PDB file of N, CA and C in Angstrom:
ATOM      1  N   MET A   1     -23.841  76.720 160.313  1.00  0.00           N
ATOM      2  CA  MET A   1     -23.991  76.357 159.150  1.00  0.00           C
ATOM      3  C   MET A   1     -23.626  75.125 159.717  1.00  0.00           C
ATOM      4  N   ASP A   2     -24.438  74.847 158.618  1.00  0.00           N
ATOM      5  CA  ASP A   2     -24.170  73.156 159.329  1.00  0.00           C
ATOM      6  C   ASP A   2     -23.100  71.516 158.879  1.00  0.00           C
ATOM      7  N   TRP A   3     -21.641  71.788 159.007  1.00  0.00           N
ATOM      8  CA  TRP A   3     -20.671  71.377 158.036  1.00  0.00           C
ATOM      9  C   TRP A   3     -21.296  69.577 158.014  1.00  0.00           C
ATOM     10  N   ILE A   4     -21.626  69.118 158.273  1.00  0.00           N
ATOM     11  CA  ILE A   4     -22.763  67.834 157.254  1.00  0.00           C
ATOM     12  C   ILE A   4     -22.242  68.356 156.046  1.00  0.00           C
ATOM     13  N   ALA A   5     -23.620  68.769 155.459  1.00  0.00           N
ATOM     14  CA  ALA A   5     -24.419  69.587 154.313  1.00  0.00           C
ATOM     15  C   ALA A   5     -23.463  69.886 154.041  1.00  0.00           C
ATOM     16  N   ALA A   6     -22.401  71.348 154.591  1.00  0.00           N
ATOM     17  CA  ALA A   6     -20.946  71.815 153.636  1.00  0.00           C
ATOM     18  C   ALA A   6     -20.811  70.415 153.324  1.00  0.00           C
ATOM     19  N   LEU A   7     -20.488  69.321 154.049  1.00  0.00           N
ATOM     20  CA  LEU A   7     -19.865  68.738 153.472  1.00  0.00           C
ATOM     21  C   LEU A   7     -20.085  66.934 152.578  1.00  0.00           C
ATOM     22  N   GLY A   8     -21.017  67.205 152.802  1.00  0.00           N
ATOM     23  CA  GLY A   8     -22.138  66.538 151.632  1.00  0.00           C
ATOM     24  C   GLY A   8     -22.006  67.361 150.214  1.00  0.00           C
ATOM     25  N   TYR A   9     -21.650  68.667 149.802  1.00  0.00           N
ATOM     26  CA  TYR A   9     -22.356  69.009 148.968  1.00  0.00           C
ATOM     27  C   TYR A   9     -19.981  69.432 148.421  1.00  0.00           C
ATOM     28  N   ILE A  10     -19.627  69.718 149.330  1.00  0.00           N
ATOM     29  CA  ILE A  10     -18.029  69.131 148.811  1.00  0.00           C
ATOM     30  C   ILE A  10     -17.882  67.542 148.015  1.00  0.00           C
ATOM     31  N   ILE A  11     -18.356  66.631 149.139  1.00  0.00           N
ATOM     32  CA  ILE A  11     -18.241  65.603 148.954  1.00  0.00           C
ATOM     33  C   ILE A  11     -18.534  64.453 147.487  1.00  0.00           C
ATOM     34  N   ALA A  12     -20.036  65.445 146.841  1.00  0.00           N
ATOM     35  CA  ALA A  12     -20.179  65.150 145.984  1.00  0.00           C
ATOM     36  C   ALA A  12     -19.468  65.094 144.537  1.00  0.00           C
ATOM     37  N   PRO A  13     -19.375  66.394 144.241  1.00  0.00           N
ATOM     38  CA  PRO A  13     -18.009  66.618 142.846  1.00  0.00           C
ATOM     39  C   PRO A  13     -16.941  66.287 143.188  1.00  0.00           C
ATOM     40  N   VAL A  14     -16.219  65.695 144.184  1.00  0.00           N
ATOM     41  CA  VAL A  14     -14.662  65.894 144.343  1.00  0.00           C
ATOM     42  C   VAL A  14     -15.560  64.403 144.237  1.00  0.00           C
ATOM     43  N   SER A  15     -16.334  63.201 144.542  1.00  0.00           N
ATOM     44  CA  SER A  15     -16.408  61.878 144.645  1.00  0.00           C
ATOM     45  C   SER A  15     -16.500  61.690 143.084  1.00  0.00           C
ATOM     46  N   SER A  16     -17.063  62.897 142.152  1.00  0.00           N
ATOM     47  CA  SER A  16     -17.541  62.665 140.845  1.00  0.00           C
ATOM     48  C   SER A  16     -16.729  62.421 139.879  1.00  0.00           C
ATOM     49  N   ILE A  17     -15.544  63.709 140.340  1.00  0.00           N
ATOM     50  CA  ILE A  17     -14.412  63.890 139.788  1.00  0.00           C
ATOM     51  C   ILE A  17     -13.219  62.401 139.516  1.00  0.00           C
ATOM     52  N   ILE A  18     -13.251  62.072 140.547  1.00  0.00           N
ATOM     53  CA  ILE A  18     -12.740  61.221 140.883  1.00  0.00           C
ATOM     54  C   ILE A  18     -13.157  59.795 139.778  1.00  0.00           C
ATOM     55  N   THR A  19     -14.146  59.456 140.288  1.00  0.00           N
ATOM     56  CA  THR A  19     -15.112  58.546 139.235  1.00  0.00           C
ATOM     57  C   THR A  19     -14.790  59.053 138.316  1.00  0.00           C
ATOM     58  N   TRP A  20     -15.203  60.326 137.304  1.00  0.00           N
ATOM     59  CA  TRP A  20     -14.644  60.451 136.009  1.00  0.00           C
ATOM     60  C   TRP A  20     -13.686  59.787 135.478  1.00  0.00           C
ATOM     61  N   PHE A  21     -12.040  60.446 136.624  1.00  0.00           N
ATOM     62  CA  PHE A  21     -10.786  59.921 136.325  1.00  0.00           C
ATOM     63  C   PHE A  21     -10.699  58.172 136.420  1.00  0.00           C
ATOM     64  N   VAL A  22     -11.369  57.943 137.244  1.00  0.00           N
ATOM     65  CA  VAL A  22     -11.619  55.784 137.476  1.00  0.00           C
ATOM     66  C   VAL A  22     -11.896  55.656 136.081  1.00  0.00           C
ATOM     67  N   GLY A  23     -13.057  56.135 135.512  1.00  0.00           N
ATOM     68  CA  GLY A  23     -13.442  55.235 134.859  1.00  0.00           C
ATOM     69  C   GLY A  23     -12.484  55.325 133.962  1.00  0.00           C
ATOM     70  N   ARG A  24     -12.331  57.248 133.497  1.00  0.00           N
ATOM     71  CA  ARG A  24     -11.349  56.896 131.805  1.00  0.00           C
ATOM     72  C   ARG A  24     -10.261  56.264 131.577  1.00  0.00           C
ATOM     73  N   LYS A  25      -8.896  56.055 133.271  1.00  0.00           N
ATOM     74  CA  LYS A  25      -8.595  54.812 132.820  1.00  0.00           C
ATOM     75  C   LYS A  25      -8.739  53.872 132.427  1.00  0.00           C
ATOM     76  N   LYS A  26      -9.798  53.311 133.492  1.00  0.00           N
ATOM     77  CA  LYS A  26     -10.388  52.121 132.673  1.00  0.00           C
ATOM     78  C   LYS A  26     -10.416  51.404 131.362  1.00  0.00           C
ATOM     79  N   SER A  27     -11.708  52.983 131.126  1.00  0.00           N
ATOM     80  CA  SER A  27     -11.609  52.614 129.452  1.00  0.00           C
ATOM     81  C   SER A  27     -10.272  53.277 128.654  1.00  0.00           C
ATOM     82  N   ARG A  28      -9.973  54.450 129.536  1.00  0.00           N
ATOM     83  CA  ARG A  28      -7.994  53.394 127.865  1.00  0.00           C
ATOM     84  C   ARG A  28      -7.566  51.858 128.013  1.00  0.00           C
ATOM     85  N   ASN A  29      -7.705  51.028 129.087  1.00  0.00           N
ATOM     86  CA  ASN A  29      -6.362  50.054 129.120  1.00  0.00           C
ATOM     87  C   ASN A  29      -7.675  49.296 127.974  1.00  0.00           C
ATOM     88  N   ASP A  30      -8.778  49.346 128.269  1.00  0.00           N
ATOM     89  CA  ASP A  30      -9.655  48.339 128.041  1.00  0.00           C
ATOM     90  C   ASP A  30      -9.232  48.479 126.254  1.00  0.00           C
ATOM     91  N   PHE A  31      -9.114  50.241 126.085  1.00  0.00           N
ATOM     92  CA  PHE A  31      -9.278  50.261 124.373  1.00  0.00           C
ATOM     93  C   PHE A  31      -7.466  49.672 124.117  1.00  0.00           C
ATOM     94  N   LEU A  32      -6.202  49.688 124.648  1.00  0.00           N
ATOM     95  CA  LEU A  32      -5.498  49.511 124.383  1.00  0.00           C
ATOM     96  C   LEU A  32      -5.106  48.308 124.739  1.00  0.00           C
ATOM     97  N   ARG A  33      -5.858  47.089 125.088  1.00  0.00           N
ATOM     98  CA  ARG A  33      -6.083  45.507 125.493  1.00  0.00           C
ATOM     99  C   ARG A  33      -6.679  44.861 124.175  1.00  0.00           C
ATOM    100  N   GLU A  34      -7.253  45.561 123.883  1.00  0.00           N
ATOM    101  CA  GLU A  34      -8.748  45.719 122.573  1.00  0.00           C
ATOM    102  C   GLU A  34      -7.553  45.955 121.067  1.00  0.00           C
ATOM    103  N   MET A  35      -6.709  46.952 121.659  1.00  0.00           N
ATOM    104  CA  MET A  35      -6.323  47.083 120.217  1.00  0.00           C
ATOM    105  C   MET A  35      -4.782  45.851 120.695  1.00  0.00           C
ATOM    106  N   GLN A  36      -4.620  45.482 121.509  1.00  0.00           N
ATOM    107  CA  GLN A  36      -3.108  45.159 121.139  1.00  0.00           C
ATOM    108  C   GLN A  36      -3.507  43.663 120.944  1.00  0.00           C
ATOM    109  N   ALA A  37      -4.744  43.179 121.158  1.00  0.00           N
ATOM    110  CA  ALA A  37      -5.298  42.083 121.220  1.00  0.00           C
ATOM    111  C   ALA A  37      -5.267  41.842 119.167  1.00  0.00           C
ATOM    112  N   SER A  38      -6.550  43.692 118.553  1.00  0.00           N
ATOM    113  CA  SER A  38      -6.153  42.784 117.181  1.00  0.00           C
ATOM    114  C   SER A  38      -4.438  43.086 116.623  1.00  0.00           C
ATOM    115  N   ILE A  39      -3.589  43.291 117.021  1.00  0.00           N
ATOM    116  CA  ILE A  39      -2.543  43.671 116.628  1.00  0.00           C
ATOM    117  C   ILE A  39      -1.217  41.695 116.456  1.00  0.00           C
ATOM    118  N   ASP A  40      -1.985  41.485 117.554  1.00  0.00           N
ATOM    119  CA  ASP A  40      -1.677  40.153 117.741  1.00  0.00           C
ATOM    120  C   ASP A  40      -2.327  38.783 116.784  1.00  0.00           C
ATOM    121  N   LEU A  41      -3.538  39.779 116.619  1.00  0.00           N
ATOM    122  CA  LEU A  41      -4.250  39.146 115.561  1.00  0.00           C
ATOM    123  C   LEU A  41      -4.399  38.788 114.291  1.00  0.00           C
ATOM    124  N   LEU A  42      -3.741  40.367 113.773  1.00  0.00           N
ATOM    125  CA  LEU A  42      -2.607  40.301 112.373  1.00  0.00           C
ATOM    126  C   LEU A  42      -1.797  39.909 112.496  1.00  0.00           C
ATOM    127  N   ALA A  43      -1.174  39.934 113.302  1.00  0.00           N
ATOM    128  CA  ALA A  43       0.473  39.188 112.862  1.00  0.00           C
ATOM    129  C   ALA A  43       0.648  38.076 112.410  1.00  0.00           C
ATOM    130  N   THR A  44      -0.349  37.638 113.605  1.00  0.00           N
ATOM    131  CA  THR A  44      -0.841  36.054 113.449  1.00  0.00           C
ATOM    132  C   THR A  44      -1.191  35.703 111.574  1.00  0.00           C
ATOM    133  N   ARG A  45      -1.768  36.278 111.497  1.00  0.00           N
ATOM    134  CA  ARG A  45      -2.484  36.142 110.503  1.00  0.00           C
ATOM    135  C   ARG A  45      -1.581  36.152 108.898  1.00  0.00           C
ATOM    136  N   ASN A  46      -0.599  37.948 109.166  1.00  0.00           N
ATOM    137  CA  ASN A  46       0.162  37.908 108.324  1.00  0.00           C
ATOM    138  C   ASN A  46       0.989  36.998 108.582  1.00  0.00           C
ATOM    139  N   GLY A  47       1.862  36.217 109.740  1.00  0.00           N
ATOM    140  CA  GLY A  47       2.458  34.634 109.628  1.00  0.00           C
ATOM    141  C   GLY A  47       2.318  33.781 108.755  1.00  0.00           C
ATOM    142  N   ASN A  48       0.761  33.978 109.318  1.00  0.00           N
ATOM    143  CA  ASN A  48       0.377  33.073 108.636  1.00  0.00           C
ATOM    144  C   ASN A  48      -0.022  32.737 105.960  1.00  0.00           C
ATOM    145  N   LEU A  49       0.154  34.022 106.912  1.00  0.00           N
ATOM    146  CA  LEU A  49       0.065  34.042 105.553  1.00  0.00           C
ATOM    147  C   LEU A  49       1.157  34.301 104.178  1.00  0.00           C
ATOM    148  N   ILE A  50       2.713  34.709 105.119  1.00  0.00           N
ATOM    149  CA  ILE A  50       4.278  34.925 104.518  1.00  0.00           C
ATOM    150  C   ILE A  50       4.805  33.500 104.181  1.00  0.00           C
ATOM    151  N   LYS A  51       3.568  32.664 105.598  1.00  0.00           N
ATOM    152  CA  LYS A  51       3.963  30.981 105.099  1.00  0.00           C
ATOM    153  C   LYS A  51       2.978  30.656 103.513  1.00  0.00           C
ATOM    154  N   GLU A  52       2.555  30.751 103.483  1.00  0.00           N
ATOM    155  CA  GLU A  52       1.374  30.656 102.383  1.00  0.00           C
ATOM    156  C   GLU A  52       1.719  30.471 101.215  1.00  0.00           C
ATOM    157  N   VAL A  53       2.549  32.315 101.036  1.00  0.00           N
ATOM    158  CA  VAL A  53       2.859  32.825  99.996  1.00  0.00           C
ATOM    159  C   VAL A  53       4.317  31.726  99.969  1.00  0.00           C
ATOM    160  N   THR A  54       5.113  31.479 100.964  1.00  0.00           N
ATOM    161  CA  THR A  54       6.564  31.235  99.978  1.00  0.00           C
ATOM    162  C   THR A  54       6.427  29.807  99.807  1.00  0.00           C
ATOM    163  N   GLU A  55       5.682  28.832 100.893  1.00  0.00           N
ATOM    164  CA  GLU A  55       5.131  27.422  99.518  1.00  0.00           C
ATOM    165  C   GLU A  55       5.171  27.919  98.662  1.00  0.00           C
ATOM    166  N   LEU A  56       3.876  28.805  97.652  1.00  0.00           N
ATOM    167  CA  LEU A  56       3.430  28.920  96.725  1.00  0.00           C
ATOM    168  C   LEU A  56       4.486  29.077  95.817  1.00  0.00           C
ATOM    169  N   ARG A  57       5.044  30.083  96.429  1.00  0.00           N
ATOM    170  CA  ARG A  57       6.040  30.956  95.418  1.00  0.00           C
ATOM    171  C   ARG A  57       7.677  29.727  95.574  1.00  0.00           C
ATOM    172  N   GLY A  58       7.308  28.871  96.055  1.00  0.00           N
ATOM    173  CA  GLY A  58       8.411  27.070  95.891  1.00  0.00           C
ATOM    174  C   GLY A  58       7.982  26.346  94.684  1.00  0.00           C
ATOM    175  N   GLU A  59       5.862  26.456  94.693  1.00  0.00           N
ATOM    176  CA  GLU A  59       4.985  25.649  93.863  1.00  0.00           C
ATOM    177  C   GLU A  59       5.579  25.717  92.781  1.00  0.00           C
ATOM    178  N   ASN A  60       4.987  27.247  92.293  1.00  0.00           N
ATOM    179  CA  ASN A  60       5.900  28.331  91.623  1.00  0.00           C
ATOM    180  C   ASN A  60       7.118  27.463  90.547  1.00  0.00           C
ATOM    181  N   MET A  61       8.352  27.472  91.421  1.00  0.00           N
ATOM    182  CA  MET A  61       9.351  27.377  91.031  1.00  0.00           C
ATOM    183  C   MET A  61       8.934  25.745  90.111  1.00  0.00           C
ATOM    184  N   ARG A  62       9.012  24.465  91.518  1.00  0.00           N
ATOM    185  CA  ARG A  62       8.724  23.702  90.638  1.00  0.00           C
ATOM    186  C   ARG A  62       8.051  23.825  89.608  1.00  0.00           C
ATOM    187  N   LEU A  63       6.387  23.895  89.272  1.00  0.00           N
ATOM    188  CA  LEU A  63       6.385  24.531  87.341  1.00  0.00           C
ATOM    189  C   LEU A  63       6.673  24.882  86.809  1.00  0.00           C
ATOM    190  N   ARG A  64       7.577  26.148  86.702  1.00  0.00           N
ATOM    191  CA  ARG A  64       8.354  26.583  86.107  1.00  0.00           C
ATOM    192  C   ARG A  64       9.207  25.423  85.427  1.00  0.00           C
ATOM    193  N   LEU A  65       9.561  24.921  86.440  1.00  0.00           N
ATOM    194  CA  LEU A  65      10.840  24.201  85.717  1.00  0.00           C
ATOM    195  C   LEU A  65      10.338  22.779  85.538  1.00  0.00           C
ATOM    196  N   ASP A  66       9.063  22.503  85.927  1.00  0.00           N
ATOM    197  CA  ASP A  66       8.287  21.783  84.701  1.00  0.00           C
ATOM    198  C   ASP A  66       8.199  21.634  83.633  1.00  0.00           C
ATOM    199  N   VAL A  67       7.867  23.147  83.163  1.00  0.00           N
ATOM    200  CA  VAL A  67       6.993  23.436  82.006  1.00  0.00           C
ATOM    201  C   VAL A  67       8.519  23.477  80.887  1.00  0.00           C
ATOM    202  N   GLN A  68       9.909  24.036  81.878  1.00  0.00           N
ATOM    203  CA  GLN A  68      11.324  24.258  80.678  1.00  0.00           C
ATOM    204  C   GLN A  68      11.471  22.594  80.608  1.00  0.00           C
ATOM    205  N   ARG A  69      10.931  21.502  81.490  1.00  0.00           N
ATOM    206  CA  ARG A  69      11.624  20.210  81.099  1.00  0.00           C
ATOM    207  C   ARG A  69      10.848  19.938  79.902  1.00  0.00           C
ATOM    208  N   LEU A  70       9.922  20.075  79.793  1.00  0.00           N
ATOM    209  CA  LEU A  70       8.359  20.199  79.028  1.00  0.00           C
ATOM    210  C   LEU A  70       9.015  20.729  77.577  1.00  0.00           C
ATOM    211  N   ALA A  71       9.320  21.612  77.507  1.00  0.00           N
ATOM    212  CA  ALA A  71       9.455  22.291  76.344  1.00  0.00           C
ATOM    213  C   ALA A  71      10.611  21.770  75.545  1.00  0.00           C
ATOM    214  N   ALA A  72      11.448  21.319  76.322  1.00  0.00           N
ATOM    215  CA  ALA A  72      12.819  20.677  75.495  1.00  0.00           C
ATOM    216  C   ALA A  72      12.389  20.262  75.009  1.00  0.00           C
ATOM    217  N   GLU A  73      11.175  18.790  76.141  1.00  0.00           N
ATOM    218  CA  GLU A  73      11.052  17.138  75.306  1.00  0.00           C
ATOM    219  C   GLU A  73      10.666  17.390  74.266  1.00  0.00           C
ATOM    220  N   ASN A  74       9.888  18.671  74.325  1.00  0.00           N
ATOM    221  CA  ASN A  74       8.499  19.113  73.063  1.00  0.00           C
ATOM    222  C   ASN A  74       9.935  19.651  71.999  1.00  0.00           C
ATOM    223  N   ALA A  75      10.572  20.254  71.522  1.00  0.00           N
ATOM    224  CA  ALA A  75      11.665  20.934  71.381  1.00  0.00           C
ATOM    225  C   ALA A  75      12.660  19.289  70.492  1.00  0.00           C
ATOM    226  N   LYS A  76      12.872  18.865  71.022  1.00  0.00           N
ATOM    227  CA  LYS A  76      13.400  17.681  70.555  1.00  0.00           C
ATOM    228  C   LYS A  76      12.859  16.372  69.852  1.00  0.00           C
ATOM    229  N   MET A  77      11.293  15.733  70.399  1.00  0.00           N
ATOM    230  CA  MET A  77      10.770  15.327  69.780  1.00  0.00           C
ATOM    231  C   MET A  77      10.166  16.031  68.528  1.00  0.00           C
ATOM    232  N   SER A  78       9.799  17.502  68.548  1.00  0.00           N
ATOM    233  CA  SER A  78       9.924  17.840  67.568  1.00  0.00           C
ATOM    234  C   SER A  78      10.088  17.744  66.495  1.00  0.00           C
ATOM    235  N   LYS A  79      12.202  17.971  66.846  1.00  0.00           N
ATOM    236  CA  LYS A  79      13.057  18.016  65.167  1.00  0.00           C
ATOM    237  C   LYS A  79      12.516  16.354  64.909  1.00  0.00           C
ATOM    238  N   GLU A  80      12.565  14.980  66.016  1.00  0.00           N
ATOM    239  CA  GLU A  80      12.569  13.990  65.815  1.00  0.00           C
ATOM    240  C   GLU A  80      11.442  13.584  64.502  1.00  0.00           C
ATOM    241  N   ILE A  81      10.929  14.013  64.987  1.00  0.00           N
ATOM    242  CA  ILE A  81       9.239  14.119  64.400  1.00  0.00           C
ATOM    243  C   ILE A  81       9.506  14.288  62.859  1.00  0.00           C
ATOM    244  N   GLU A  82       9.845  15.436  62.693  1.00  0.00           N
ATOM    245  CA  GLU A  82      10.766  16.228  61.846  1.00  0.00           C
ATOM    246  C   GLU A  82      11.451  15.242  60.602  1.00  0.00           C
ATOM    247  N   GLY A  83      12.521  14.981  61.737  1.00  0.00           N
ATOM    248  CA  GLY A  83      13.413  14.180  60.431  1.00  0.00           C
ATOM    249  C   GLY A  83      12.727  12.552  59.809  1.00  0.00           C
ATOM    250  N   LEU A  84      11.873  12.395  60.357  1.00  0.00           N
ATOM    251  CA  LEU A  84      10.793  11.117  60.271  1.00  0.00           C
ATOM    252  C   LEU A  84       9.900  11.325  58.970  1.00  0.00           C
ATOM    253  N   ASN A  85       9.392  12.637  59.509  1.00  0.00           N
ATOM    254  CA  ASN A  85       8.554  13.019  58.140  1.00  0.00           C
ATOM    255  C   ASN A  85       9.865  13.183  57.118  1.00  0.00           C
ATOM    256  N   SER A  86      10.141  13.759  57.176  1.00  0.00           N
ATOM    257  CA  SER A  86      11.101  13.808  56.005  1.00  0.00           C
ATOM    258  C   SER A  86      11.907  12.460  55.120  1.00  0.00           C
ATOM    259  N   ARG A  87      12.393  11.002  55.709  1.00  0.00           N
ATOM    260  CA  ARG A  87      12.469  10.031  55.661  1.00  0.00           C
ATOM    261  C   ARG A  87      11.644   9.481  55.125  1.00  0.00           C
ATOM    262  N   LEU A  88      10.273  10.062  55.230  1.00  0.00           N
ATOM    263  CA  LEU A  88       9.079   8.990  54.601  1.00  0.00           C
ATOM    264  C   LEU A  88       8.515   9.350  53.260  1.00  0.00           C
ATOM    265  N   LYS A  89       8.783  11.393  52.913  1.00  0.00           N
ATOM    266  CA  LYS A  89       8.981  12.247  51.497  1.00  0.00           C
ATOM    267  C   LYS A  89       8.482  10.716  50.765  1.00  0.00           C
ATOM    268  N   ASN A  90       9.271   9.930  50.320  1.00  0.00           N
ATOM    269  CA  ASN A  90       9.758   9.998  49.185  1.00  0.00           C
ATOM    270  C   ASN A  90       9.399   7.948  49.440  1.00  0.00           C
ATOM    271  N   ILE A  91       8.881   7.590  50.215  1.00  0.00           N
ATOM    272  CA  ILE A  91       8.398   6.823  50.758  1.00  0.00           C
ATOM    273  C   ILE A  91       6.582   6.346  49.846  1.00  0.00           C
ATOM    274  N   LYS A  92       6.338   5.566  48.896  1.00  0.00           N
ATOM    275  CA  LYS A  92       5.166   5.516  48.312  1.00  0.00           C
ATOM    276  C   LYS A  92       4.160   4.394  49.674  1.00  0.00           C
ATOM    277  N   THR A  93       2.843   4.685  49.486  1.00  0.00           N
ATOM    278  CA  THR A  93       2.285   4.335  49.658  1.00  0.00           C
ATOM    279  C   THR A  93       1.332   3.041  49.302  1.00  0.00           C
ATOM    280  N   ILE A  94       1.498   1.963  50.075  1.00  0.00           N
ATOM    281  CA  ILE A  94       1.525   0.418  49.815  1.00  0.00           C
ATOM    282  C   ILE A  94      -0.522   0.632  50.374  1.00  0.00           C
ATOM    283  N   THR A  95      -1.563   0.564  49.056  1.00  0.00           N
ATOM    284  CA  THR A  95      -2.623   0.085  49.821  1.00  0.00           C
ATOM    285  C   THR A  95      -2.980  -1.131  49.244  1.00  0.00           C
ATOM    286  N   LYS A  96      -3.470  -1.744  49.368  1.00  0.00           N
ATOM    287  CA  LYS A  96      -4.849  -3.690  48.716  1.00  0.00           C
ATOM    288  C   LYS A  96      -6.210  -2.308  48.133  1.00  0.00           C
ATOM    289  N   LYS A  97      -6.302  -3.030  47.080  1.00  0.00           N
ATOM    290  CA  LYS A  97      -6.431  -2.141  46.316  1.00  0.00           C
ATOM    291  C   LYS A  97      -8.075  -3.953  46.266  1.00  0.00           C
ATOM    292  N   GLY A  98      -9.401  -3.578  46.825  1.00  0.00           N
ATOM    293  CA  GLY A  98     -10.042  -4.956  46.270  1.00  0.00           C
ATOM    294  C   GLY A  98     -11.498  -5.470  46.002  1.00  0.00           C
TER     295      GLY A  98
END
């Protein structure tokens, strides 16, 4: 029996199995690296969205306070207008006829 031929028959499957394991490990590492990159990107976007939501909530609160202030001013002016209108009820309008 030729030892070189026998060694060739043994080495070919063994090297194929080793290559398969190395390729599989590299594939897993690449997949994990891509997953980590996706997680990092999502975390960054989430942080930006949280910051934007916080800013919008602050702006919303300021607008609510402005609306409340304007509603109070509107109520005060409405009462003032009612008072002026009640004082004008008994006054006759003077018009100039030509």
